[in-house]
N, C-alpha and C. Protein backbone atom coordinates (compact mmCIF):
# COMPACT_ATOMS: atom_id res chain seq x y z
N UNK A 1 161.82 25.32 -54.58
CA UNK A 1 163.15 25.89 -52.92
C UNK A 1 163.58 24.65 -53.09
N UNK A 2 164.67 24.45 -51.98
CA UNK A 2 165.23 22.95 -51.87
C UNK A 2 165.23 23.84 -50.32
N UNK A 3 165.11 22.41 -49.83
CA UNK A 3 165.28 22.49 -48.33
C UNK A 3 165.68 21.21 -47.92
N UNK A 4 166.90 21.61 -47.14
CA UNK A 4 168.02 20.65 -46.11
C UNK A 4 166.78 20.26 -45.27
N UNK A 5 167.16 19.02 -45.20
CA UNK A 5 166.40 18.02 -43.86
C UNK A 5 167.06 18.06 -42.86
N UNK A 6 167.45 18.89 -41.72
CA UNK A 6 168.46 18.63 -40.93
C UNK A 6 168.75 17.95 -39.75
N UNK A 7 168.60 16.62 -39.90
CA UNK A 7 168.57 15.37 -38.87
C UNK A 7 169.14 14.30 -38.92
N UNK A 8 169.44 13.93 -38.35
CA UNK A 8 170.25 12.18 -38.46
C UNK A 8 169.39 11.04 -38.05
N UNK A 9 167.91 11.65 -37.28
CA UNK A 9 166.94 10.35 -36.88
C UNK A 9 166.30 10.09 -38.14
N UNK A 10 166.28 8.37 -38.94
CA UNK A 10 165.66 7.67 -39.84
C UNK A 10 163.85 8.00 -39.73
N UNK A 11 163.76 8.38 -38.37
CA UNK A 11 162.30 8.37 -38.47
C UNK A 11 161.25 9.68 -38.72
N UNK A 12 162.42 10.55 -37.66
CA UNK A 12 161.97 12.05 -38.02
C UNK A 12 162.26 12.49 -39.54
N UNK A 13 163.55 12.03 -40.61
CA UNK A 13 163.22 12.10 -41.56
C UNK A 13 162.16 11.97 -42.08
N UNK A 14 161.32 10.21 -42.54
CA UNK A 14 160.37 9.86 -43.23
C UNK A 14 159.22 10.88 -42.62
N UNK A 15 159.04 11.32 -41.51
CA UNK A 15 157.80 11.92 -41.25
C UNK A 15 158.27 12.85 -41.25
N UNK A 16 159.05 14.14 -41.16
CA UNK A 16 159.14 15.18 -41.91
C UNK A 16 159.02 15.62 -43.79
N UNK A 17 159.28 14.18 -44.40
CA UNK A 17 159.44 14.12 -45.62
C UNK A 17 157.84 13.97 -45.70
N UNK A 18 156.90 12.86 -45.13
CA UNK A 18 155.72 12.87 -45.58
C UNK A 18 155.01 14.70 -44.97
N UNK A 19 155.04 14.89 -43.99
CA UNK A 19 154.71 16.60 -43.51
C UNK A 19 155.01 17.43 -44.67
N UNK A 20 156.07 17.38 -45.88
CA UNK A 20 156.23 18.35 -46.19
C UNK A 20 155.98 18.37 -47.99
N UNK A 21 155.77 16.89 -47.91
CA UNK A 21 155.63 16.67 -49.12
C UNK A 21 154.64 17.53 -50.24
N UNK A 22 153.49 18.10 -49.74
CA UNK A 22 152.32 18.66 -50.18
C UNK A 22 152.84 19.70 -50.71
N UNK A 23 153.93 20.11 -49.93
CA UNK A 23 154.33 22.09 -50.59
C UNK A 23 155.20 22.03 -51.90
N UNK A 24 154.47 22.84 -52.65
CA UNK A 24 154.35 22.57 -53.97
C UNK A 24 155.94 23.07 -54.39
N UNK A 25 156.07 22.53 -55.36
CA UNK A 25 158.44 23.16 -55.39
C UNK A 25 158.85 23.16 -55.19
N UNK A 26 158.77 22.26 -53.24
CA UNK A 26 159.73 21.99 -52.76
C UNK A 26 160.50 20.73 -52.86
N UNK A 27 161.97 20.97 -52.99
CA UNK A 27 162.91 19.97 -53.31
C UNK A 27 163.27 19.65 -51.90
N UNK A 28 163.20 18.56 -50.93
CA UNK A 28 163.69 18.16 -49.85
C UNK A 28 164.71 17.18 -49.88
N UNK A 29 165.70 17.29 -49.25
CA UNK A 29 167.11 16.39 -49.38
C UNK A 29 167.56 16.21 -47.67
N UNK A 30 167.94 15.01 -47.89
CA UNK A 30 168.62 15.04 -46.17
C UNK A 30 170.35 15.12 -46.31
N UNK A 31 170.51 14.94 -45.12
CA UNK A 31 172.00 15.02 -45.01
C UNK A 31 172.92 13.56 -45.76
N UNK A 32 172.08 13.03 -45.56
CA UNK A 32 172.62 11.85 -46.09
C UNK A 32 173.02 11.95 -47.74
N UNK A 33 172.25 12.20 -48.07
CA UNK A 33 172.09 12.69 -49.86
C UNK A 33 173.05 13.62 -50.47
N UNK A 34 173.36 14.54 -49.30
CA UNK A 34 173.95 15.79 -49.34
C UNK A 34 175.52 14.82 -49.02
N UNK A 35 175.85 13.90 -48.71
CA UNK A 35 177.05 13.38 -48.35
C UNK A 35 178.01 14.13 -47.04
N UNK A 36 176.79 14.29 -45.81
CA UNK A 36 177.90 15.29 -45.17
C UNK A 36 177.48 14.13 -43.70
N UNK A 37 179.19 14.16 -43.70
CA UNK A 37 179.18 13.01 -42.61
C UNK A 37 179.05 13.67 -41.06
N UNK A 38 178.47 12.89 -40.30
CA UNK A 38 178.22 13.31 -39.38
C UNK A 38 179.58 13.77 -38.28
N UNK A 39 179.16 15.04 -37.48
CA UNK A 39 180.41 15.19 -36.48
C UNK A 39 180.20 15.30 -35.43
N UNK A 40 180.90 15.78 -34.43
CA UNK A 40 180.62 15.61 -33.08
C UNK A 40 180.93 17.04 -32.92
N UNK A 41 180.36 18.15 -33.73
CA UNK A 41 179.97 19.56 -33.43
C UNK A 41 178.78 19.64 -33.35
N UNK A 42 177.93 18.19 -33.72
CA UNK A 42 176.58 18.32 -33.47
C UNK A 42 175.98 18.40 -32.20
N UNK A 43 176.15 17.59 -31.84
CA UNK A 43 176.08 17.15 -30.20
C UNK A 43 176.08 18.14 -29.62
N UNK A 44 177.24 19.53 -30.06
CA UNK A 44 177.27 20.39 -29.41
C UNK A 44 175.79 21.54 -29.45
N UNK A 45 175.01 21.52 -30.22
CA UNK A 45 174.24 22.75 -30.87
C UNK A 45 173.23 22.63 -29.86
N UNK A 46 172.67 21.12 -29.20
CA UNK A 46 171.19 20.93 -28.55
C UNK A 46 171.81 21.21 -27.19
N UNK A 47 172.07 22.90 -26.24
CA UNK A 47 172.57 23.04 -24.97
C UNK A 47 171.56 24.01 -24.60
N UNK A 48 170.80 24.16 -24.98
CA UNK A 48 169.94 25.39 -24.61
C UNK A 48 168.93 25.00 -23.75
N UNK A 49 168.24 25.77 -23.26
CA UNK A 49 167.00 25.21 -22.41
C UNK A 49 165.64 25.38 -22.96
N UNK A 50 165.44 25.44 -24.42
CA UNK A 50 164.37 26.19 -24.19
C UNK A 50 164.26 25.27 -26.24
N UNK A 51 163.28 24.11 -26.18
CA UNK A 51 163.11 23.56 -27.98
C UNK A 51 163.23 24.38 -28.63
N UNK A 52 162.76 25.81 -29.13
CA UNK A 52 162.93 26.84 -30.31
C UNK A 52 164.54 27.14 -30.23
N UNK A 53 165.11 27.43 -29.38
CA UNK A 53 166.53 27.86 -28.68
C UNK A 53 167.30 26.96 -29.48
N UNK A 54 167.21 25.63 -29.55
CA UNK A 54 167.93 24.03 -29.91
C UNK A 54 167.65 23.88 -31.44
N UNK A 55 165.93 24.15 -31.97
CA UNK A 55 166.01 23.66 -33.24
C UNK A 55 166.72 25.06 -33.98
N UNK A 56 166.03 26.15 -33.87
CA UNK A 56 167.29 27.43 -34.19
C UNK A 56 168.53 27.14 -34.40
N UNK A 57 169.56 26.77 -33.27
CA UNK A 57 170.86 26.59 -33.46
C UNK A 57 170.83 25.20 -34.93
N UNK A 58 170.28 24.03 -34.45
CA UNK A 58 170.53 23.08 -36.09
C UNK A 58 170.62 23.91 -37.43
N UNK A 59 169.35 24.44 -37.19
CA UNK A 59 169.06 25.39 -38.15
C UNK A 59 170.25 25.99 -39.27
N UNK A 60 170.43 26.91 -38.01
CA UNK A 60 171.71 27.86 -38.69
C UNK A 60 172.51 27.40 -39.03
N UNK A 61 173.12 26.24 -37.90
CA UNK A 61 174.20 25.43 -38.54
C UNK A 61 174.45 24.99 -39.83
N UNK A 62 173.36 24.08 -39.88
CA UNK A 62 173.38 23.06 -41.38
C UNK A 62 172.93 24.14 -42.44
N UNK A 63 172.45 25.36 -42.36
CA UNK A 63 172.58 26.79 -43.64
C UNK A 63 173.41 27.39 -43.80
N UNK A 64 174.20 26.97 -42.96
CA UNK A 64 175.54 28.38 -42.75
C UNK A 64 176.60 27.15 -43.54
N UNK A 65 176.51 25.57 -43.32
CA UNK A 65 177.67 24.06 -44.08
C UNK A 65 177.08 24.47 -45.30
N UNK A 66 176.07 24.14 -45.48
CA UNK A 66 174.70 23.62 -46.98
C UNK A 66 175.00 24.65 -48.11
N UNK A 67 175.06 25.99 -47.02
CA UNK A 67 174.37 26.76 -47.81
C UNK A 67 173.00 26.90 -48.60
N UNK A 68 172.07 25.82 -47.86
CA UNK A 68 170.90 26.22 -48.85
C UNK A 68 169.72 26.28 -47.61
N UNK A 69 168.58 26.32 -47.23
CA UNK A 69 167.71 26.85 -46.68
C UNK A 69 167.78 25.47 -45.69
N UNK A 70 167.69 25.58 -44.94
CA UNK A 70 167.68 24.28 -43.40
C UNK A 70 166.51 24.31 -42.62
N UNK A 71 165.40 23.03 -42.02
CA UNK A 71 164.48 22.24 -41.57
C UNK A 71 165.35 21.35 -40.46
N UNK A 72 165.12 22.17 -39.09
CA UNK A 72 165.33 21.06 -37.75
C UNK A 72 163.95 21.59 -37.32
N UNK A 73 164.07 19.98 -36.33
CA UNK A 73 163.36 20.61 -35.06
C UNK A 73 163.94 19.68 -34.02
N UNK A 74 163.79 20.36 -32.40
CA UNK A 74 163.62 19.67 -31.37
C UNK A 74 162.25 19.62 -30.82
N UNK A 75 162.31 17.94 -30.26
CA UNK A 75 161.24 18.10 -29.71
C UNK A 75 161.39 16.88 -28.72
N UNK A 76 160.71 17.06 -27.81
CA UNK A 76 160.76 15.58 -26.39
C UNK A 76 159.59 15.37 -25.92
N UNK A 77 159.24 14.66 -25.21
CA UNK A 77 158.24 14.56 -23.64
C UNK A 77 158.60 14.80 -22.46
N UNK A 78 157.26 15.89 -22.36
CA UNK A 78 157.47 16.35 -20.69
C UNK A 78 156.84 15.68 -19.78
N UNK A 79 157.48 15.18 -18.94
CA UNK A 79 156.37 14.14 -18.16
C UNK A 79 156.10 15.44 -16.47
N UNK A 80 154.58 15.24 -16.07
CA UNK A 80 154.32 16.42 -15.37
C UNK A 80 154.62 15.45 -13.89
N UNK A 81 155.07 14.64 -13.96
CA UNK A 81 155.69 13.81 -12.26
C UNK A 81 157.00 13.86 -12.41
N UNK A 82 157.39 14.67 -13.26
CA UNK A 82 158.97 14.80 -13.51
C UNK A 82 159.32 15.61 -13.27
N UNK A 83 158.36 16.97 -13.20
CA UNK A 83 158.50 18.33 -13.23
C UNK A 83 158.89 19.29 -14.48
N UNK A 84 158.07 17.60 -15.81
CA UNK A 84 158.43 18.72 -17.24
C UNK A 84 159.80 18.22 -17.33
N UNK A 85 160.80 16.75 -17.16
CA UNK A 85 161.38 15.95 -17.07
C UNK A 85 160.91 14.99 -18.29
N UNK A 86 161.95 14.24 -19.53
CA UNK A 86 163.39 15.22 -19.54
C UNK A 86 163.12 16.28 -20.97
N UNK A 87 162.07 16.72 -21.21
CA UNK A 87 161.81 18.05 -21.71
C UNK A 87 162.67 17.64 -23.05
N UNK A 88 163.90 18.99 -23.18
CA UNK A 88 165.05 19.61 -24.04
C UNK A 88 166.20 18.25 -23.78
N UNK A 89 165.62 17.59 -22.84
CA UNK A 89 167.19 16.04 -22.45
C UNK A 89 166.64 15.07 -23.38
N UNK A 90 165.35 15.05 -23.70
CA UNK A 90 164.65 13.67 -23.81
C UNK A 90 165.82 12.86 -24.78
N UNK A 91 166.49 13.06 -25.90
CA UNK A 91 167.67 12.36 -26.86
C UNK A 91 168.60 11.89 -26.15
N UNK A 92 168.87 12.40 -25.04
CA UNK A 92 170.08 12.06 -24.43
C UNK A 92 169.50 11.93 -22.96
N UNK A 93 168.65 11.25 -22.70
CA UNK A 93 167.84 10.88 -21.47
C UNK A 93 168.62 10.30 -20.01
N UNK A 94 168.82 8.98 -21.11
CA UNK A 94 169.02 7.48 -20.31
C UNK A 94 170.72 8.15 -19.95
N UNK A 95 171.59 7.58 -18.76
CA UNK A 95 172.88 8.03 -18.35
C UNK A 95 173.65 6.74 -18.94
N UNK A 96 173.39 6.92 -20.39
CA UNK A 96 174.25 6.06 -21.72
C UNK A 96 175.12 6.61 -22.54
N UNK A 97 176.11 6.73 -22.46
CA UNK A 97 176.97 7.67 -23.63
C UNK A 97 177.20 7.60 -24.77
N UNK A 98 177.23 5.44 -24.85
CA UNK A 98 178.07 5.12 -26.55
C UNK A 98 177.14 3.87 -27.09
N UNK A 99 175.34 4.91 -26.80
CA UNK A 99 175.16 4.25 -27.77
C UNK A 99 173.81 5.57 -28.73
N UNK A 100 173.41 4.94 -29.65
CA UNK A 100 172.95 5.67 -30.90
C UNK A 100 171.58 4.75 -31.20
N UNK A 101 170.98 5.74 -32.30
CA UNK A 101 169.50 5.57 -32.76
C UNK A 101 168.66 4.39 -31.66
N UNK A 102 168.26 3.33 -32.10
CA UNK A 102 167.65 2.53 -31.34
C UNK A 102 167.93 2.51 -30.17
N UNK A 103 169.16 1.97 -29.93
CA UNK A 103 169.47 1.03 -28.57
C UNK A 103 169.41 2.62 -27.91
N UNK A 104 169.60 3.93 -28.17
CA UNK A 104 169.53 4.90 -27.52
C UNK A 104 167.45 4.84 -27.18
N UNK A 105 167.12 5.30 -27.99
CA UNK A 105 165.86 4.91 -27.67
C UNK A 105 165.20 4.01 -26.67
N UNK A 106 165.88 2.60 -26.97
CA UNK A 106 165.26 1.55 -25.86
C UNK A 106 165.80 2.28 -24.22
N UNK A 107 167.14 2.42 -24.17
CA UNK A 107 167.71 3.39 -23.16
C UNK A 107 166.72 4.17 -22.13
N UNK A 108 166.37 5.09 -22.90
CA UNK A 108 165.43 6.33 -22.65
C UNK A 108 164.31 5.48 -22.12
N UNK A 109 163.33 4.55 -23.21
CA UNK A 109 162.19 4.18 -22.46
C UNK A 109 162.69 3.52 -20.78
N UNK A 110 163.70 2.51 -20.60
CA UNK A 110 164.06 2.21 -19.26
C UNK A 110 164.21 2.99 -18.71
N UNK A 111 164.90 4.25 -19.33
CA UNK A 111 165.18 4.98 -17.80
C UNK A 111 163.50 6.11 -17.21
N UNK A 112 162.45 5.96 -18.38
CA UNK A 112 161.80 6.72 -18.36
C UNK A 112 160.49 5.67 -17.17
N UNK A 113 160.80 5.03 -17.23
CA UNK A 113 160.01 3.96 -16.78
C UNK A 113 160.29 3.44 -15.60
N UNK A 114 161.28 3.37 -15.36
CA UNK A 114 162.62 3.57 -13.95
C UNK A 114 161.93 4.16 -13.01
N UNK A 115 161.87 5.60 -13.81
CA UNK A 115 161.79 6.83 -12.51
C UNK A 115 160.09 6.73 -12.47
N UNK A 116 159.19 6.30 -13.14
CA UNK A 116 158.06 6.57 -13.00
C UNK A 116 156.74 5.52 -12.49
N UNK A 117 157.95 4.49 -11.94
CA UNK A 117 157.34 3.02 -11.38
C UNK A 117 156.54 2.76 -10.17
N UNK A 118 157.00 4.28 -9.51
CA UNK A 118 156.11 4.72 -8.34
C UNK A 118 154.89 5.45 -8.37
N UNK A 119 154.99 5.68 -9.79
CA UNK A 119 153.72 7.14 -10.01
C UNK A 119 152.59 6.40 -10.25
N UNK A 120 151.76 6.60 -9.71
CA UNK A 120 150.16 6.08 -10.17
C UNK A 120 149.94 6.45 -11.30
N UNK A 121 148.49 5.65 -12.13
CA UNK A 121 148.65 5.75 -13.55
C UNK A 121 147.58 7.19 -13.65
N UNK A 122 146.49 8.10 -12.64
CA UNK A 122 146.17 9.48 -12.76
C UNK A 122 147.30 10.51 -12.88
N UNK A 123 148.49 10.31 -12.47
CA UNK A 123 149.45 11.05 -12.43
C UNK A 123 150.79 10.85 -13.89
N UNK A 124 150.68 9.95 -14.29
CA UNK A 124 151.45 9.69 -15.58
C UNK A 124 151.28 10.57 -16.41
N UNK A 125 150.31 12.10 -17.07
CA UNK A 125 150.38 12.53 -17.99
C UNK A 125 151.32 12.96 -18.34
N UNK A 126 151.48 13.62 -19.65
CA UNK A 126 152.59 14.42 -20.32
C UNK A 126 152.21 14.63 -21.53
N UNK A 127 153.48 15.47 -22.09
CA UNK A 127 153.26 16.09 -23.59
C UNK A 127 154.39 15.96 -24.57
N UNK A 128 154.27 15.68 -25.39
CA UNK A 128 155.12 15.69 -26.34
C UNK A 128 155.00 17.02 -26.92
N UNK A 129 156.12 17.88 -27.29
CA UNK A 129 156.50 18.97 -27.86
C UNK A 129 157.83 19.25 -28.96
N UNK A 130 157.05 20.21 -29.58
CA UNK A 130 158.23 20.07 -30.55
C UNK A 130 158.25 21.35 -31.32
N UNK A 131 159.38 21.99 -31.52
CA UNK A 131 159.85 23.41 -32.24
C UNK A 131 160.10 22.87 -33.76
N UNK A 132 159.98 23.57 -34.81
CA UNK A 132 160.43 23.42 -35.97
C UNK A 132 160.90 24.88 -36.41
N UNK A 133 162.09 24.64 -36.63
CA UNK A 133 162.73 25.91 -37.54
C UNK A 133 163.37 25.85 -39.31
N UNK A 134 163.20 27.12 -39.59
CA UNK A 134 164.01 26.61 -40.86
C UNK A 134 164.80 28.57 -40.94
N UNK A 135 166.21 28.03 -41.50
CA UNK A 135 166.69 28.94 -41.89
C UNK A 135 167.51 28.89 -43.13
N UNK A 136 167.92 30.36 -43.07
CA UNK A 136 168.04 30.27 -44.53
C UNK A 136 169.79 31.32 -44.14
N UNK A 137 170.53 30.91 -45.26
CA UNK A 137 172.25 31.68 -45.15
C UNK A 137 171.67 33.04 -44.83
N UNK A 138 171.09 33.76 -45.50
CA UNK A 138 171.16 35.30 -45.78
C UNK A 138 170.48 35.44 -44.26
N UNK A 139 170.35 34.56 -43.30
CA UNK A 139 169.74 34.90 -41.69
C UNK A 139 168.55 34.95 -41.53
N UNK A 140 167.33 34.58 -42.89
CA UNK A 140 166.22 34.39 -42.52
C UNK A 140 165.90 33.09 -41.34
N UNK A 141 164.93 32.93 -40.79
CA UNK A 141 164.44 32.32 -39.81
C UNK A 141 163.00 32.65 -39.39
N UNK A 142 162.51 30.89 -39.66
CA UNK A 142 160.94 31.03 -38.77
C UNK A 142 160.50 29.75 -37.90
N UNK A 143 160.25 29.79 -37.12
CA UNK A 143 159.82 28.88 -35.83
C UNK A 143 158.80 28.34 -35.89
N UNK A 144 158.10 27.12 -35.24
CA UNK A 144 156.84 27.04 -35.33
C UNK A 144 157.11 25.82 -34.15
N UNK A 145 155.68 25.65 -33.85
CA UNK A 145 155.54 24.59 -32.33
C UNK A 145 154.48 24.08 -32.33
N UNK A 146 154.38 22.70 -31.92
CA UNK A 146 153.21 22.01 -31.70
C UNK A 146 153.14 21.42 -30.42
N UNK A 147 151.95 20.78 -29.63
CA UNK A 147 152.69 20.44 -28.75
C UNK A 147 151.13 18.88 -28.85
N UNK A 148 151.26 18.02 -28.14
CA UNK A 148 150.22 16.79 -27.63
C UNK A 148 149.76 16.39 -26.59
N UNK A 149 148.61 16.23 -26.11
CA UNK A 149 148.92 15.31 -24.52
C UNK A 149 149.01 13.96 -24.63
N UNK A 150 149.14 13.70 -23.46
CA UNK A 150 149.01 12.16 -23.53
C UNK A 150 148.91 11.70 -22.21
N UNK A 151 149.61 10.27 -22.07
CA UNK A 151 149.63 9.88 -20.83
C UNK A 151 151.22 8.56 -20.67
N UNK A 152 152.00 8.73 -19.78
CA UNK A 152 152.81 7.25 -20.51
C UNK A 152 152.60 5.98 -19.57
N UNK A 153 152.76 5.13 -20.55
CA UNK A 153 151.55 3.90 -20.00
C UNK A 153 152.76 3.16 -18.86
N UNK A 154 152.71 1.66 -18.78
CA UNK A 154 153.70 1.44 -17.43
C UNK A 154 154.56 0.50 -18.52
N UNK A 155 153.94 -0.01 -20.38
CA UNK A 155 155.00 -0.95 -20.90
C UNK A 155 154.53 -0.19 -22.08
N UNK A 156 155.82 -0.66 -23.04
CA UNK A 156 155.50 0.16 -24.75
C UNK A 156 154.40 -1.15 -25.71
N UNK A 157 154.22 -0.12 -26.08
CA UNK A 157 152.68 -0.55 -26.86
C UNK A 157 153.25 -0.33 -28.39
N UNK A 158 152.78 -1.15 -29.76
CA UNK A 158 153.39 -0.95 -31.04
C UNK A 158 154.81 -0.66 -31.15
N UNK A 159 154.80 -1.20 -32.68
CA UNK A 159 156.34 -1.30 -32.77
C UNK A 159 156.46 -0.02 -33.78
N UNK A 160 155.83 0.47 -34.32
CA UNK A 160 155.60 1.47 -35.38
C UNK A 160 156.40 2.82 -34.18
N UNK A 161 156.21 4.17 -34.98
CA UNK A 161 157.37 5.52 -34.71
C UNK A 161 158.66 5.24 -34.35
N UNK A 162 159.09 5.96 -33.13
CA UNK A 162 160.85 5.69 -32.86
C UNK A 162 159.92 7.01 -31.17
N UNK A 163 161.54 6.96 -30.70
CA UNK A 163 162.18 7.69 -29.21
C UNK A 163 160.87 6.87 -28.04
N UNK A 164 160.18 8.13 -27.61
CA UNK A 164 159.15 7.50 -26.41
C UNK A 164 157.96 6.39 -27.42
N UNK A 165 157.59 6.74 -28.25
CA UNK A 165 156.41 6.97 -29.36
C UNK A 165 155.73 5.65 -28.21
N UNK A 166 156.30 4.07 -28.58
CA UNK A 166 155.26 3.41 -27.45
C UNK A 166 154.98 3.43 -26.83
N UNK A 167 155.20 3.89 -25.54
CA UNK A 167 155.00 4.30 -24.23
C UNK A 167 154.07 5.92 -23.63
N UNK A 168 153.83 6.63 -25.32
CA UNK A 168 153.22 7.80 -25.28
C UNK A 168 151.04 7.42 -25.73
N UNK A 169 150.49 7.36 -24.88
CA UNK A 169 149.33 6.83 -25.06
C UNK A 169 148.56 8.33 -24.80
N UNK A 170 147.47 7.89 -26.26
CA UNK A 170 146.57 9.05 -26.62
C UNK A 170 145.02 8.67 -26.16
N UNK A 171 144.79 9.22 -24.61
CA UNK A 171 143.19 8.30 -24.52
C UNK A 171 142.07 7.82 -25.68
N UNK A 172 142.16 9.72 -25.99
CA UNK A 172 141.17 9.68 -27.32
C UNK A 172 141.24 8.77 -28.48
N UNK A 173 142.14 8.41 -28.42
CA UNK A 173 142.58 7.83 -29.88
C UNK A 173 142.72 5.97 -29.25
N UNK A 174 142.98 5.68 -27.93
CA UNK A 174 143.39 4.66 -27.66
C UNK A 174 144.26 3.73 -27.95
N UNK A 175 145.03 4.01 -28.66
CA UNK A 175 146.45 4.02 -28.88
C UNK A 175 147.55 4.92 -28.44
N UNK A 176 148.48 3.79 -28.48
CA UNK A 176 150.17 4.93 -28.49
C UNK A 176 150.70 5.37 -29.50
N UNK A 177 151.58 6.10 -29.65
CA UNK A 177 152.01 6.55 -30.83
C UNK A 177 152.86 5.66 -32.20
N UNK A 178 152.84 4.41 -30.98
CA UNK A 178 153.90 3.32 -31.54
C UNK A 178 152.25 2.39 -32.37
N UNK A 179 151.71 2.49 -32.13
CA UNK A 179 150.14 1.67 -32.74
C UNK A 179 149.96 2.52 -33.60
N UNK A 180 149.50 4.10 -34.13
CA UNK A 180 148.56 4.77 -34.89
C UNK A 180 149.74 4.88 -35.78
N UNK A 181 148.30 4.59 -37.27
CA UNK A 181 148.52 4.45 -38.22
C UNK A 181 149.55 6.07 -38.94
N UNK A 182 151.13 5.76 -39.81
CA UNK A 182 151.46 6.77 -39.83
C UNK A 182 151.03 8.11 -39.92
N UNK A 183 149.41 8.02 -40.73
CA UNK A 183 149.18 9.13 -41.07
C UNK A 183 147.94 9.78 -40.30
N UNK A 184 147.25 9.36 -39.06
CA UNK A 184 146.87 9.39 -38.41
C UNK A 184 147.61 10.23 -37.59
N UNK A 185 149.38 9.92 -37.34
CA UNK A 185 150.19 10.35 -36.36
C UNK A 185 150.41 11.59 -36.90
N UNK A 186 150.72 11.65 -38.02
CA UNK A 186 150.86 13.13 -38.25
C UNK A 186 149.64 13.88 -38.45
N UNK A 187 149.01 13.81 -38.35
CA UNK A 187 147.81 14.93 -37.94
C UNK A 187 147.25 15.07 -36.57
N UNK A 188 148.34 14.50 -35.63
CA UNK A 188 147.71 15.15 -34.34
C UNK A 188 149.27 15.14 -33.44
N UNK A 189 150.14 14.79 -34.22
CA UNK A 189 150.83 14.58 -33.00
C UNK A 189 151.88 16.37 -33.37
N UNK A 190 152.62 16.25 -31.76
CA UNK A 190 153.02 16.91 -31.73
C UNK A 190 154.21 18.35 -33.40
N UNK A 191 154.73 17.18 -34.09
CA UNK A 191 155.54 17.21 -34.91
C UNK A 191 154.73 17.75 -36.17
N UNK A 192 153.71 16.89 -36.29
CA UNK A 192 153.02 17.11 -37.40
C UNK A 192 152.19 18.79 -37.16
N UNK A 193 152.01 18.91 -36.37
CA UNK A 193 151.52 20.56 -35.69
C UNK A 193 152.12 21.37 -36.43
N UNK A 194 153.44 21.10 -36.01
CA UNK A 194 154.49 22.46 -36.06
C UNK A 194 155.06 22.15 -37.93
N UNK A 195 155.18 21.45 -38.20
CA UNK A 195 155.78 21.19 -39.03
C UNK A 195 154.85 21.70 -40.43
N UNK A 196 153.48 21.29 -40.34
CA UNK A 196 152.51 21.73 -41.34
C UNK A 196 152.56 22.70 -41.18
N UNK A 197 152.72 24.09 -39.75
CA UNK A 197 152.64 25.01 -39.88
C UNK A 197 153.64 26.17 -40.72
N UNK A 198 154.95 25.07 -40.32
CA UNK A 198 156.70 25.54 -41.66
C UNK A 198 155.70 25.56 -43.14
N UNK A 199 154.93 24.73 -43.24
CA UNK A 199 154.71 24.22 -44.21
C UNK A 199 153.84 25.28 -45.07
N UNK A 200 153.03 25.65 -44.19
CA UNK A 200 152.26 26.59 -44.22
C UNK A 200 152.61 28.09 -44.98
N UNK A 201 153.49 28.01 -44.39
CA UNK A 201 154.08 29.59 -44.23
C UNK A 201 155.08 29.61 -45.66
N UNK A 202 155.84 28.66 -45.81
CA UNK A 202 156.41 28.11 -46.87
C UNK A 202 155.88 28.22 -48.17
N UNK A 203 154.55 27.65 -48.25
CA UNK A 203 153.30 27.76 -49.46
C UNK A 203 152.59 28.94 -49.28
N UNK A 204 153.05 30.49 -48.69
CA UNK A 204 152.85 31.34 -48.61
C UNK A 204 151.20 31.61 -47.92
N UNK A 205 150.57 30.62 -47.14
CA UNK A 205 149.79 30.26 -46.84
C UNK A 205 149.05 30.73 -45.36
N UNK A 206 150.52 31.15 -44.62
CA UNK A 206 150.44 32.24 -43.34
C UNK A 206 151.51 33.11 -43.58
């Protein structure tokens, strides 16, 4: 089976490859490998109010475009002191319209820290949430979810991961996602939980 990893985020591509590598007979390909250029239409896919709906919208879009099974995820950080924000708006949280990739990550992190500047440490609890979806051209689809609890620090720690990872501290690990080895992050992260459930279903184990 061939599976298109439907994301432009290089960090997610690396994680998804690692998480899906154990599925026998699964040929994983990225959008760049298929020569699919980025389109403005893609930004209009994540307009829903839940991670599940956004993930399905992206998976369906790329399944139709490629004629292949497509895996997409939607994930974000939900901060209790901000009433669950940024949530599904995590990727475009900062009020900046003209930056992408690492520049967007930096802007988002600065904006989050600004909003939490006056929030004391015990109230900086948060969770990462992920919905992973696979859609097939024939209309079949599946969704699996995962979540991971943590705390938003006052300053970034670690060079690993991407997005809000250097700010997301896991007390039981004593590290942020930016500091954790990739293998350990895969074991406990929101995306790891969701994508392993997808992998198990594709492998016929669930």
